[in-house]
Amino acid sequence: MREYTIKSTRKGRDYIWGTLYYSDKTSKFRIKFRCSYDEMKKDNPPAMIHRFMTNGRTELDSYLSSLWVNDRIIPKERQNIAEILRENKLNTYREIDMLELCMGRCTLDDIYLTREK
């Protein structure tokens, strides 16, 4: 099981929003937020986290977690995906490999991941 801390940086300070888990056995993701939205809203979560924290949810199932991950990775349909794979010494496209290439960084917000396990 791989484990990543979901963070962002604001005003020079790291904020921890939760943990992303990935099972190499099942190829599935799962996200657990550090606390409920009511507790976290004082820290003003980024939109990409806020949108998934509805109805008091503190954990996302594999489907919703995959949606979150897919918003943060190079898409499989990218025009130059073969070149990206080749330059990164990857033989096939896998979501987890794309996620680790950029550690969850994207242009939508300041979220990034740090691998813990």
PDB file of N, CA and C in Angstrom:
ATOM      1  N   MET A   1       0.849  -1.175   0.000  1.00  0.00           N
ATOM      2  CA  MET A   1       0.000   0.000   0.000  1.00  0.00           C
ATOM      3  C   MET A   1       0.894   1.237   0.000  1.00  0.00           C
ATOM      4  N   ARG A   2       0.695   2.096  -0.983  1.00  0.00           N
ATOM      5  CA  ARG A   2       1.428   3.366  -1.020  1.00  0.00           C
ATOM      6  C   ARG A   2       0.603   4.414  -0.274  1.00  0.00           C
ATOM      7  N   GLU A   3       1.298   5.329   0.359  1.00  0.00           N
ATOM      8  CA  GLU A   3       0.630   6.359   1.142  1.00  0.00           C
ATOM      9  C   GLU A   3       1.263   7.712   0.843  1.00  0.00           C
ATOM     10  N   TYR A   4       0.413   8.694   0.564  1.00  0.00           N
ATOM     11  CA  TYR A   4       0.870  10.043   0.227  1.00  0.00           C
ATOM     12  C   TYR A   4       0.123  11.046   1.094  1.00  0.00           C
ATOM     13  N   THR A   5       0.834  12.020   1.626  1.00  0.00           N
ATOM     14  CA  THR A   5       0.191  13.115   2.339  1.00  0.00           C
ATOM     15  C   THR A   5      -0.212  14.167   1.321  1.00  0.00           C
ATOM     16  N   ILE A   6      -1.454  14.629   1.405  1.00  0.00           N
ATOM     17  CA  ILE A   6      -1.978  15.666   0.513  1.00  0.00           C
ATOM     18  C   ILE A   6      -1.737  17.006   1.198  1.00  0.00           C
ATOM     19  N   LYS A   7      -0.932  17.860   0.556  1.00  0.00           N
ATOM     20  CA  LYS A   7      -0.546  19.142   1.162  1.00  0.00           C
ATOM     21  C   LYS A   7      -0.762  20.299   0.201  1.00  0.00           C
ATOM     22  N   SER A   8      -0.704  21.490   0.750  1.00  0.00           N
ATOM     23  CA  SER A   8      -0.601  22.710  -0.046  1.00  0.00           C
ATOM     24  C   SER A   8       0.221  23.691   0.774  1.00  0.00           C
ATOM     25  N   THR A   9       0.722  24.710   0.110  1.00  0.00           N
ATOM     26  CA  THR A   9       1.526  25.716   0.795  1.00  0.00           C
ATOM     27  C   THR A   9       0.830  27.062   0.672  1.00  0.00           C
ATOM     28  N   ARG A  10       0.663  27.696   1.784  1.00  0.00           N
ATOM     29  CA  ARG A  10       0.056  29.025   1.803  1.00  0.00           C
ATOM     30  C   ARG A  10       0.813  29.902   2.782  1.00  0.00           C
ATOM     31  N   LYS A  11       1.192  31.075   2.308  1.00  0.00           N
ATOM     32  CA  LYS A  11       1.921  32.027   3.147  1.00  0.00           C
ATOM     33  C   LYS A  11       3.129  31.370   3.791  1.00  0.00           C
ATOM     34  N   GLY A  12       3.831  30.531   3.014  1.00  0.00           N
ATOM     35  CA  GLY A  12       5.040  29.893   3.488  1.00  0.00           C
ATOM     36  C   GLY A  12       4.832  28.749   4.461  1.00  0.00           C
ATOM     37  N   ARG A  13       3.591  28.337   4.644  1.00  0.00           N
ATOM     38  CA  ARG A  13       3.285  27.272   5.607  1.00  0.00           C
ATOM     39  C   ARG A  13       2.622  26.100   4.888  1.00  0.00           C
ATOM     40  N   ASP A  14       3.037  24.883   5.228  1.00  0.00           N
ATOM     41  CA  ASP A  14       2.410  23.687   4.668  1.00  0.00           C
ATOM     42  C   ASP A  14       1.126  23.368   5.410  1.00  0.00           C
ATOM     43  N   TYR A  15       0.073  23.074   4.644  1.00  0.00           N
ATOM     44  CA  TYR A  15      -1.182  22.615   5.208  1.00  0.00           C
ATOM     45  C   TYR A  15      -1.352  21.157   4.812  1.00  0.00           C
ATOM     46  N   ILE A  16      -1.776  20.336   5.730  1.00  0.00           N
ATOM     47  CA  ILE A  16      -2.058  18.934   5.428  1.00  0.00           C
ATOM     48  C   ILE A  16      -3.567  18.779   5.350  1.00  0.00           C
ATOM     49  N   TRP A  17      -4.021  18.287   4.188  1.00  0.00           N
ATOM     50  CA  TRP A  17      -5.457  18.133   3.962  1.00  0.00           C
ATOM     51  C   TRP A  17      -5.927  16.712   4.169  1.00  0.00           C
ATOM     52  N   GLY A  18      -5.040  15.759   3.985  1.00  0.00           N
ATOM     53  CA  GLY A  18      -5.444  14.370   4.156  1.00  0.00           C
ATOM     54  C   GLY A  18      -4.389  13.421   3.630  1.00  0.00           C
ATOM     55  N   THR A  19      -4.820  12.186   3.372  1.00  0.00           N
ATOM     56  CA  THR A  19      -3.915  11.136   2.919  1.00  0.00           C
ATOM     57  C   THR A  19      -4.527  10.426   1.717  1.00  0.00           C
ATOM     58  N   LEU A  20      -3.703  10.180   0.722  1.00  0.00           N
ATOM     59  CA  LEU A  20      -4.090   9.409  -0.451  1.00  0.00           C
ATOM     60  C   LEU A  20      -3.427   8.044  -0.324  1.00  0.00           C
ATOM     61  N   TYR A  21      -4.215   7.003  -0.470  1.00  0.00           N
ATOM     62  CA  TYR A  21      -3.710   5.629  -0.423  1.00  0.00           C
ATOM     63  C   TYR A  21      -3.845   5.015  -1.809  1.00  0.00           C
ATOM     64  N   TYR A  22      -2.871   4.195  -2.182  1.00  0.00           N
ATOM     65  CA  TYR A  22      -2.935   3.465  -3.445  1.00  0.00           C
ATOM     66  C   TYR A  22      -2.539   2.027  -3.204  1.00  0.00           C
ATOM     67  N   SER A  23      -3.377   1.113  -3.652  1.00  0.00           N
ATOM     68  CA  SER A  23      -3.096  -0.308  -3.522  1.00  0.00           C
ATOM     69  C   SER A  23      -2.501  -0.819  -4.828  1.00  0.00           C
ATOM     70  N   ASP A  24      -1.262  -1.290  -4.774  1.00  0.00           N
ATOM     71  CA  ASP A  24      -0.643  -1.892  -5.958  1.00  0.00           C
ATOM     72  C   ASP A  24      -1.356  -3.192  -6.326  1.00  0.00           C
ATOM     73  N   LYS A  25      -1.945  -3.831  -5.351  1.00  0.00           N
ATOM     74  CA  LYS A  25      -2.636  -5.103  -5.570  1.00  0.00           C
ATOM     75  C   LYS A  25      -3.921  -4.907  -6.387  1.00  0.00           C
ATOM     76  N   THR A  26      -4.704  -3.880  -6.053  1.00  0.00           N
ATOM     77  CA  THR A  26      -5.988  -3.657  -6.733  1.00  0.00           C
ATOM     78  C   THR A  26      -5.944  -2.502  -7.730  1.00  0.00           C
ATOM     79  N   SER A  27      -4.864  -1.726  -7.730  1.00  0.00           N
ATOM     80  CA  SER A  27      -4.725  -0.519  -8.570  1.00  0.00           C
ATOM     81  C   SER A  27      -5.824   0.499  -8.278  1.00  0.00           C
ATOM     82  N   LYS A  28      -6.199   0.613  -7.004  1.00  0.00           N
ATOM     83  CA  LYS A  28      -7.253   1.554  -6.611  1.00  0.00           C
ATOM     84  C   LYS A  28      -6.725   2.571  -5.613  1.00  0.00           C
ATOM     85  N   PHE A  29      -7.323   3.765  -5.705  1.00  0.00           N
ATOM     86  CA  PHE A  29      -6.999   4.869  -4.815  1.00  0.00           C
ATOM     87  C   PHE A  29      -8.085   5.009  -3.756  1.00  0.00           C
ATOM     88  N   ARG A  30      -7.713   5.622  -2.636  1.00  0.00           N
ATOM     89  CA  ARG A  30      -8.660   5.979  -1.588  1.00  0.00           C
ATOM     90  C   ARG A  30      -8.102   7.217  -0.895  1.00  0.00           C
ATOM     91  N   ILE A  31      -8.980   8.152  -0.578  1.00  0.00           N
ATOM     92  CA  ILE A  31      -8.554   9.378   0.114  1.00  0.00           C
ATOM     93  C   ILE A  31      -9.269   9.473   1.453  1.00  0.00           C
ATOM     94  N   LYS A  32      -8.489   9.841   2.458  1.00  0.00           N
ATOM     95  CA  LYS A  32      -9.041  10.113   3.779  1.00  0.00           C
ATOM     96  C   LYS A  32      -8.617  11.523   4.157  1.00  0.00           C
ATOM     97  N   PHE A  33      -9.591  12.385   4.442  1.00  0.00           N
ATOM     98  CA  PHE A  33      -9.294  13.750   4.848  1.00  0.00           C
ATOM     99  C   PHE A  33      -8.906  13.767   6.316  1.00  0.00           C
ATOM    100  N   ARG A  34      -8.118  14.754   6.713  1.00  0.00           N
ATOM    101  CA  ARG A  34      -7.581  14.774   8.084  1.00  0.00           C
ATOM    102  C   ARG A  34      -8.666  15.010   9.125  1.00  0.00           C
ATOM    103  N   CYS A  35      -9.765  15.635   8.733  1.00  0.00           N
ATOM    104  CA  CYS A  35     -10.883  15.860   9.641  1.00  0.00           C
ATOM    105  C   CYS A  35     -12.109  16.228   8.808  1.00  0.00           C
ATOM    106  N   SER A  36     -13.218  16.484   9.448  1.00  0.00           N
ATOM    107  CA  SER A  36     -14.438  16.831   8.725  1.00  0.00           C
ATOM    108  C   SER A  36     -14.317  18.219   8.097  1.00  0.00           C
ATOM    109  N   TYR A  37     -15.168  18.474   7.127  1.00  0.00           N
ATOM    110  CA  TYR A  37     -15.147  19.779   6.472  1.00  0.00           C
ATOM    111  C   TYR A  37     -15.433  20.900   7.462  1.00  0.00           C
ATOM    112  N   ASP A  38     -16.345  20.690   8.395  1.00  0.00           N
ATOM    113  CA  ASP A  38     -16.663  21.725   9.379  1.00  0.00           C
ATOM    114  C   ASP A  38     -15.422  22.154  10.154  1.00  0.00           C
ATOM    115  N   GLU A  39     -14.564  21.186  10.484  1.00  0.00           N
ATOM    116  CA  GLU A  39     -13.328  21.504  11.195  1.00  0.00           C
ATOM    117  C   GLU A  39     -12.283  22.121  10.265  1.00  0.00           C
ATOM    118  N   MET A  40     -12.289  21.689   9.006  1.00  0.00           N
ATOM    119  CA  MET A  40     -11.253  22.109   8.068  1.00  0.00           C
ATOM    120  C   MET A  40     -11.565  23.444   7.372  1.00  0.00           C
ATOM    121  N   LYS A  41     -12.836  23.863   7.368  1.00  0.00           N
ATOM    122  CA  LYS A  41     -13.194  25.038   6.573  1.00  0.00           C
ATOM    123  C   LYS A  41     -12.522  26.324   7.043  1.00  0.00           C
ATOM    124  N   LYS A  42     -12.109  26.384   8.302  1.00  0.00           N
ATOM    125  CA  LYS A  42     -11.391  27.571   8.782  1.00  0.00           C
ATOM    126  C   LYS A  42     -10.064  27.759   8.046  1.00  0.00           C
ATOM    127  N   ASP A  43      -9.505  26.646   7.526  1.00  0.00           N
ATOM    128  CA  ASP A  43      -8.259  26.705   6.762  1.00  0.00           C
ATOM    129  C   ASP A  43      -8.510  26.940   5.277  1.00  0.00           C
ATOM    130  N   ASN A  44      -9.782  27.078   4.895  1.00  0.00           N
ATOM    131  CA  ASN A  44     -10.162  27.376   3.509  1.00  0.00           C
ATOM    132  C   ASN A  44      -9.558  26.381   2.512  1.00  0.00           C
ATOM    133  N   PRO A  45     -10.059  25.146   2.486  1.00  0.00           N
ATOM    134  CA  PRO A  45      -9.498  24.125   1.597  1.00  0.00           C
ATOM    135  C   PRO A  45      -9.547  24.544   0.135  1.00  0.00           C
ATOM    136  N   PRO A  46      -8.566  24.127  -0.656  1.00  0.00           N
ATOM    137  CA  PRO A  46      -8.591  24.400  -2.092  1.00  0.00           C
ATOM    138  C   PRO A  46      -9.855  23.812  -2.724  1.00  0.00           C
ATOM    139  N   ALA A  47     -10.286  24.403  -3.814  1.00  0.00           N
ATOM    140  CA  ALA A  47     -11.527  23.996  -4.473  1.00  0.00           C
ATOM    141  C   ALA A  47     -11.557  22.519  -4.807  1.00  0.00           C
ATOM    142  N   MET A  48     -10.417  21.960  -5.220  1.00  0.00           N
ATOM    143  CA  MET A  48     -10.389  20.554  -5.616  1.00  0.00           C
ATOM    144  C   MET A  48     -10.621  19.628  -4.420  1.00  0.00           C
ATOM    145  N   ILE A  49     -10.392  20.095  -3.218  1.00  0.00           N
ATOM    146  CA  ILE A  49     -10.705  19.304  -2.028  1.00  0.00           C
ATOM    147  C   ILE A  49     -12.110  19.659  -1.555  1.00  0.00           C
ATOM    148  N   HIS A  50     -12.418  20.913  -1.568  1.00  0.00           N
ATOM    149  CA  HIS A  50     -13.731  21.383  -1.126  1.00  0.00           C
ATOM    150  C   HIS A  50     -14.860  20.682  -1.877  1.00  0.00           C
ATOM    151  N   ARG A  51     -14.685  20.505  -3.182  1.00  0.00           N
ATOM    152  CA  ARG A  51     -15.765  19.926  -3.990  1.00  0.00           C
ATOM    153  C   ARG A  51     -16.065  18.480  -3.617  1.00  0.00           C
ATOM    154  N   PHE A  52     -15.106  17.774  -3.023  1.00  0.00           N
ATOM    155  CA  PHE A  52     -15.335  16.385  -2.642  1.00  0.00           C
ATOM    156  C   PHE A  52     -15.745  16.219  -1.180  1.00  0.00           C
ATOM    157  N   MET A  53     -15.700  17.288  -0.410  1.00  0.00           N
ATOM    158  CA  MET A  53     -15.990  17.176   1.020  1.00  0.00           C
ATOM    159  C   MET A  53     -17.437  17.546   1.338  1.00  0.00           C
ATOM    160  N   THR A  54     -18.353  17.044   0.581  1.00  0.00           N
ATOM    161  CA  THR A  54     -19.762  17.343   0.812  1.00  0.00           C
ATOM    162  C   THR A  54     -20.373  16.333   1.770  1.00  0.00           C
ATOM    163  N   ASN A  55     -21.480  16.708   2.355  1.00  0.00           N
ATOM    164  CA  ASN A  55     -22.250  15.815   3.230  1.00  0.00           C
ATOM    165  C   ASN A  55     -21.441  15.262   4.401  1.00  0.00           C
ATOM    166  N   GLY A  56     -20.501  16.035   4.903  1.00  0.00           N
ATOM    167  CA  GLY A  56     -19.726  15.606   6.051  1.00  0.00           C
ATOM    168  C   GLY A  56     -18.764  14.463   5.771  1.00  0.00           C
ATOM    169  N   ARG A  57     -18.501  14.208   4.519  1.00  0.00           N
ATOM    170  CA  ARG A  57     -17.635  13.097   4.108  1.00  0.00           C
ATOM    171  C   ARG A  57     -16.198  13.353   4.567  1.00  0.00           C
ATOM    172  N   THR A  58     -15.587  12.351   5.171  1.00  0.00           N
ATOM    173  CA  THR A  58     -14.175  12.448   5.561  1.00  0.00           C
ATOM    174  C   THR A  58     -13.318  11.449   4.801  1.00  0.00           C
ATOM    175  N   GLU A  59     -13.966  10.605   4.000  1.00  0.00           N
ATOM    176  CA  GLU A  59     -13.236   9.619   3.217  1.00  0.00           C
ATOM    177  C   GLU A  59     -13.912   9.453   1.859  1.00  0.00           C
ATOM    178  N   LEU A  60     -13.095   9.278   0.821  1.00  0.00           N
ATOM    179  CA  LEU A  60     -13.624   9.059  -0.519  1.00  0.00           C
ATOM    180  C   LEU A  60     -13.394   7.620  -0.933  1.00  0.00           C
ATOM    181  N   ASP A  61     -14.404   7.024  -1.554  1.00  0.00           N
ATOM    182  CA  ASP A  61     -14.250   5.663  -2.063  1.00  0.00           C
ATOM    183  C   ASP A  61     -13.319   5.670  -3.269  1.00  0.00           C
ATOM    184  N   SER A  62     -13.055   4.505  -3.834  1.00  0.00           N
ATOM    185  CA  SER A  62     -12.098   4.409  -4.938  1.00  0.00           C
ATOM    186  C   SER A  62     -12.566   5.171  -6.176  1.00  0.00           C
ATOM    187  N   TYR A  63     -13.858   5.202  -6.435  1.00  0.00           N
ATOM    188  CA  TYR A  63     -14.363   5.921  -7.607  1.00  0.00           C
ATOM    189  C   TYR A  63     -14.106   7.424  -7.480  1.00  0.00           C
ATOM    190  N   LEU A  64     -14.522   8.021  -6.368  1.00  0.00           N
ATOM    191  CA  LEU A  64     -14.329   9.467  -6.179  1.00  0.00           C
ATOM    192  C   LEU A  64     -12.848   9.817  -6.048  1.00  0.00           C
ATOM    193  N   SER A  65     -12.085   8.957  -5.403  1.00  0.00           N
ATOM    194  CA  SER A  65     -10.648   9.201  -5.292  1.00  0.00           C
ATOM    195  C   SER A  65      -9.994   9.194  -6.667  1.00  0.00           C
ATOM    196  N   SER A  66     -10.419   8.288  -7.536  1.00  0.00           N
ATOM    197  CA  SER A  66      -9.885   8.238  -8.904  1.00  0.00           C
ATOM    198  C   SER A  66     -10.249   9.495  -9.686  1.00  0.00           C
ATOM    199  N   LEU A  67     -11.440  10.027  -9.467  1.00  0.00           N
ATOM    200  CA  LEU A  67     -11.811  11.287 -10.126  1.00  0.00           C
ATOM    201  C   LEU A  67     -10.869  12.408  -9.699  1.00  0.00           C
ATOM    202  N   TRP A  68     -10.574  12.472  -8.421  1.00  0.00           N
ATOM    203  CA  TRP A  68      -9.661  13.491  -7.900  1.00  0.00           C
ATOM    204  C   TRP A  68      -8.280  13.319  -8.515  1.00  0.00           C
ATOM    205  N   VAL A  69      -7.782  12.082  -8.536  1.00  0.00           N
ATOM    206  CA  VAL A  69      -6.465  11.805  -9.116  1.00  0.00           C
ATOM    207  C   VAL A  69      -6.444  12.177 -10.593  1.00  0.00           C
ATOM    208  N   ASN A  70      -7.473  11.808 -11.332  1.00  0.00           N
ATOM    209  CA  ASN A  70      -7.506  12.090 -12.771  1.00  0.00           C
ATOM    210  C   ASN A  70      -7.508  13.586 -13.081  1.00  0.00           C
ATOM    211  N   ASP A  71      -7.974  14.399 -12.157  1.00  0.00           N
ATOM    212  CA  ASP A  71      -7.883  15.854 -12.338  1.00  0.00           C
ATOM    213  C   ASP A  71      -6.456  16.356 -12.166  1.00  0.00           C
ATOM    214  N   ARG A  72      -5.562  15.530 -11.630  1.00  0.00           N
ATOM    215  CA  ARG A  72      -4.215  15.959 -11.279  1.00  0.00           C
ATOM    216  C   ARG A  72      -3.111  15.316 -12.115  1.00  0.00           C
ATOM    217  N   ILE A  73      -3.460  14.495 -13.082  1.00  0.00           N
ATOM    218  CA  ILE A  73      -2.435  13.785 -13.847  1.00  0.00           C
ATOM    219  C   ILE A  73      -2.518  14.102 -15.336  1.00  0.00           C
ATOM    220  N   ILE A  74      -1.452  13.747 -16.047  1.00  0.00           N
ATOM    221  CA  ILE A  74      -1.414  13.880 -17.495  1.00  0.00           C
ATOM    222  C   ILE A  74      -2.402  12.866 -18.063  1.00  0.00           C
ATOM    223  N   PRO A  75      -3.366  13.320 -18.866  1.00  0.00           N
ATOM    224  CA  PRO A  75      -4.373  12.386 -19.376  1.00  0.00           C
ATOM    225  C   PRO A  75      -3.808  11.403 -20.394  1.00  0.00           C
ATOM    226  N   LYS A  76      -4.404  10.223 -20.426  1.00  0.00           N
ATOM    227  CA  LYS A  76      -3.987   9.165 -21.342  1.00  0.00           C
ATOM    228  C   LYS A  76      -4.131   9.599 -22.799  1.00  0.00           C
ATOM    229  N   GLU A  77      -5.068  10.489 -23.060  1.00  0.00           N
ATOM    230  CA  GLU A  77      -5.351  10.943 -24.423  1.00  0.00           C
ATOM    231  C   GLU A  77      -4.459  12.105 -24.865  1.00  0.00           C
ATOM    232  N   ARG A  78      -3.534  12.514 -24.024  1.00  0.00           N
ATOM    233  CA  ARG A  78      -2.646  13.636 -24.334  1.00  0.00           C
ATOM    234  C   ARG A  78      -1.939  13.390 -25.663  1.00  0.00           C
ATOM    235  N   GLN A  79      -1.849  14.409 -26.490  1.00  0.00           N
ATOM    236  CA  GLN A  79      -1.297  14.288 -27.837  1.00  0.00           C
ATOM    237  C   GLN A  79       0.085  13.638 -27.853  1.00  0.00           C
ATOM    238  N   ASN A  80       0.959  14.025 -26.964  1.00  0.00           N
ATOM    239  CA  ASN A  80       2.333  13.512 -26.974  1.00  0.00           C
ATOM    240  C   ASN A  80       2.608  12.517 -25.843  1.00  0.00           C
ATOM    241  N   ILE A  81       1.609  11.730 -25.474  1.00  0.00           N
ATOM    242  CA  ILE A  81       1.758  10.829 -24.327  1.00  0.00           C
ATOM    243  C   ILE A  81       2.848   9.784 -24.549  1.00  0.00           C
ATOM    244  N   ALA A  82       3.003   9.295 -25.774  1.00  0.00           N
ATOM    245  CA  ALA A  82       4.053   8.293 -26.045  1.00  0.00           C
ATOM    246  C   ALA A  82       5.434   8.874 -25.750  1.00  0.00           C
ATOM    247  N   GLU A  83       5.641  10.118 -26.115  1.00  0.00           N
ATOM    248  CA  GLU A  83       6.924  10.782 -25.853  1.00  0.00           C
ATOM    249  C   GLU A  83       7.135  10.990 -24.350  1.00  0.00           C
ATOM    250  N   ILE A  84       6.092  11.372 -23.646  1.00  0.00           N
ATOM    251  CA  ILE A  84       6.186  11.564 -22.194  1.00  0.00           C
ATOM    252  C   ILE A  84       6.549  10.250 -21.514  1.00  0.00           C
ATOM    253  N   LEU A  85       5.903   9.171 -21.924  1.00  0.00           N
ATOM    254  CA  LEU A  85       6.214   7.857 -21.351  1.00  0.00           C
ATOM    255  C   LEU A  85       7.664   7.466 -21.641  1.00  0.00           C
ATOM    256  N   ARG A  86       8.078   7.632 -22.885  1.00  0.00           N
ATOM    257  CA  ARG A  86       9.439   7.264 -23.291  1.00  0.00           C
ATOM    258  C   ARG A  86      10.474   8.066 -22.507  1.00  0.00           C
ATOM    259  N   GLU A  87      10.291   9.374 -22.404  1.00  0.00           N
ATOM    260  CA  GLU A  87      11.253  10.225 -21.695  1.00  0.00           C
ATOM    261  C   GLU A  87      11.348   9.902 -20.212  1.00  0.00           C
ATOM    262  N   ASN A  88      10.283   9.321 -19.673  1.00  0.00           N
ATOM    263  CA  ASN A  88      10.281   8.963 -18.256  1.00  0.00           C
ATOM    264  C   ASN A  88      10.501   7.474 -18.028  1.00  0.00           C
ATOM    265  N   LYS A  89      10.961   6.804 -19.093  1.00  0.00           N
ATOM    266  CA  LYS A  89      11.300   5.376 -19.039  1.00  0.00           C
ATOM    267  C   LYS A  89      10.148   4.509 -18.551  1.00  0.00           C
ATOM    268  N   LEU A  90       8.943   4.831 -19.044  1.00  0.00           N
ATOM    269  CA  LEU A  90       7.758   4.057 -18.720  1.00  0.00           C
ATOM    270  C   LEU A  90       7.289   3.320 -19.971  1.00  0.00           C
ATOM    271  N   ASN A  91       6.939   2.052 -19.817  1.00  0.00           N
ATOM    272  CA  ASN A  91       6.501   1.253 -20.956  1.00  0.00           C
ATOM    273  C   ASN A  91       5.006   1.388 -21.238  1.00  0.00           C
ATOM    274  N   THR A  92       4.230   1.585 -20.172  1.00  0.00           N
ATOM    275  CA  THR A  92       2.784   1.705 -20.324  1.00  0.00           C
ATOM    276  C   THR A  92       2.277   2.853 -19.467  1.00  0.00           C
ATOM    277  N   TYR A  93       1.084   3.303 -19.804  1.00  0.00           N
ATOM    278  CA  TYR A  93       0.427   4.367 -19.051  1.00  0.00           C
ATOM    279  C   TYR A  93      -0.280   3.759 -17.847  1.00  0.00           C
ATOM    280  N   ARG A  94       0.070   4.255 -16.668  1.00  0.00           N
ATOM    281  CA  ARG A  94      -0.643   3.897 -15.443  1.00  0.00           C
ATOM    282  C   ARG A  94      -0.875   5.178 -14.660  1.00  0.00           C
ATOM    283  N   GLU A  95      -2.060   5.311 -14.095  1.00  0.00           N
ATOM    284  CA  GLU A  95      -2.393   6.525 -13.343  1.00  0.00           C
ATOM    285  C   GLU A  95      -1.390   6.795 -12.223  1.00  0.00           C
ATOM    286  N   ILE A  96      -0.995   5.764 -11.499  1.00  0.00           N
ATOM    287  CA  ILE A  96      -0.085   5.962 -10.376  1.00  0.00           C
ATOM    288  C   ILE A  96       1.270   6.486 -10.854  1.00  0.00           C
ATOM    289  N   ASP A  97       1.736   6.022 -12.010  1.00  0.00           N
ATOM    290  CA  ASP A  97       3.010   6.522 -12.543  1.00  0.00           C
ATOM    291  C   ASP A  97       2.891   7.998 -12.921  1.00  0.00           C
ATOM    292  N   MET A  98       1.768   8.362 -13.516  1.00  0.00           N
ATOM    293  CA  MET A  98       1.562   9.769 -13.893  1.00  0.00           C
ATOM    294  C   MET A  98       1.465  10.644 -12.651  1.00  0.00           C
ATOM    295  N   LEU A  99       0.816  10.122 -11.617  1.00  0.00           N
ATOM    296  CA  LEU A  99       0.694  10.880 -10.378  1.00  0.00           C
ATOM    297  C   LEU A  99       2.069  11.110  -9.741  1.00  0.00           C
ATOM    298  N   GLU A 100       2.907  10.085  -9.763  1.00  0.00           N
ATOM    299  CA  GLU A 100       4.233  10.219  -9.155  1.00  0.00           C
ATOM    300  C   GLU A 100       5.175  11.095  -9.986  1.00  0.00           C
ATOM    301  N   LEU A 101       4.920  11.200 -11.284  1.00  0.00           N
ATOM    302  CA  LEU A 101       5.764  12.079 -12.110  1.00  0.00           C
ATOM    303  C   LEU A 101       5.716  13.518 -11.628  1.00  0.00           C
ATOM    304  N   CYS A 102       4.535  13.982 -11.276  1.00  0.00           N
ATOM    305  CA  CYS A 102       4.403  15.390 -10.869  1.00  0.00           C
ATOM    306  C   CYS A 102       3.993  15.528  -9.405  1.00  0.00           C
ATOM    307  N   MET A 103       3.909  14.400  -8.687  1.00  0.00           N
ATOM    308  CA  MET A 103       3.528  14.370  -7.274  1.00  0.00           C
ATOM    309  C   MET A 103       2.255  15.171  -7.001  1.00  0.00           C
ATOM    310  N   GLY A 104       1.289  15.009  -7.909  1.00  0.00           N
ATOM    311  CA  GLY A 104      -0.025  15.611  -7.698  1.00  0.00           C
ATOM    312  C   GLY A 104      -0.131  17.085  -8.023  1.00  0.00           C
ATOM    313  N   ARG A 105       0.953  17.696  -8.491  1.00  0.00           N
ATOM    314  CA  ARG A 105       0.889  19.133  -8.813  1.00  0.00           C
ATOM    315  C   ARG A 105       0.170  19.335 -10.138  1.00  0.00           C
ATOM    316  N   CYS A 106      -0.662  20.346 -10.179  1.00  0.00           N
ATOM    317  CA  CYS A 106      -1.331  20.726 -11.424  1.00  0.00           C
ATOM    318  C   CYS A 106      -1.564  22.229 -11.404  1.00  0.00           C
ATOM    319  N   THR A 107      -2.089  22.760 -12.476  1.00  0.00           N
ATOM    320  CA  THR A 107      -2.267  24.207 -12.598  1.00  0.00           C
ATOM    321  C   THR A 107      -3.526  24.716 -11.908  1.00  0.00           C
ATOM    322  N   LEU A 108      -4.336  23.822 -11.355  1.00  0.00           N
ATOM    323  CA  LEU A 108      -5.611  24.230 -10.770  1.00  0.00           C
ATOM    324  C   LEU A 108      -5.490  24.803  -9.361  1.00  0.00           C
ATOM    325  N   ASP A 109      -4.427  24.412  -8.632  1.00  0.00           N
ATOM    326  CA  ASP A 109      -4.278  24.858  -7.247  1.00  0.00           C
ATOM    327  C   ASP A 109      -2.843  24.618  -6.777  1.00  0.00           C
ATOM    328  N   ASP A 110      -2.617  24.755  -5.494  1.00  0.00           N
ATOM    329  CA  ASP A 110      -1.259  24.590  -4.958  1.00  0.00           C
ATOM    330  C   ASP A 110      -1.070  23.272  -4.210  1.00  0.00           C
ATOM    331  N   ILE A 111      -1.920  22.292  -4.492  1.00  0.00           N
ATOM    332  CA  ILE A 111      -1.825  20.996  -3.843  1.00  0.00           C
ATOM    333  C   ILE A 111      -0.652  20.196  -4.406  1.00  0.00           C
ATOM    334  N   TYR A 112       0.001  19.450  -3.515  1.00  0.00           N
ATOM    335  CA  TYR A 112       1.031  18.513  -3.937  1.00  0.00           C
ATOM    336  C   TYR A 112       1.022  17.336  -2.970  1.00  0.00           C
ATOM    337  N   LEU A 113       1.725  16.274  -3.350  1.00  0.00           N
ATOM    338  CA  LEU A 113       1.795  15.073  -2.526  1.00  0.00           C
ATOM    339  C   LEU A 113       3.216  14.841  -2.056  1.00  0.00           C
ATOM    340  N   THR A 114       3.353  14.243  -0.890  1.00  0.00           N
ATOM    341  CA  THR A 114       4.637  13.714  -0.448  1.00  0.00           C
ATOM    342  C   THR A 114       4.415  12.246  -0.133  1.00  0.00           C
ATOM    343  N   ARG A 115       5.302  11.410  -0.636  1.00  0.00           N
ATOM    344  CA  ARG A 115       5.146   9.971  -0.403  1.00  0.00           C
ATOM    345  C   ARG A 115       5.661   9.625   0.979  1.00  0.00           C
ATOM    346  N   GLU A 116       4.845   8.899   1.714  1.00  0.00           N
ATOM    347  CA  GLU A 116       5.197   8.488   3.070  1.00  0.00           C
ATOM    348  C   GLU A 116       5.628   7.031   3.107  1.00  0.00           C
ATOM    349  N   LYS A 117       4.944   6.187   2.334  1.00  0.00           N
ATOM    350  CA  LYS A 117       5.270   4.738   2.281  1.00  0.00           C
ATOM    351  C   LYS A 117       5.210   4.267   0.852  1.00  0.00           C
TER     352      LYS A 117
END
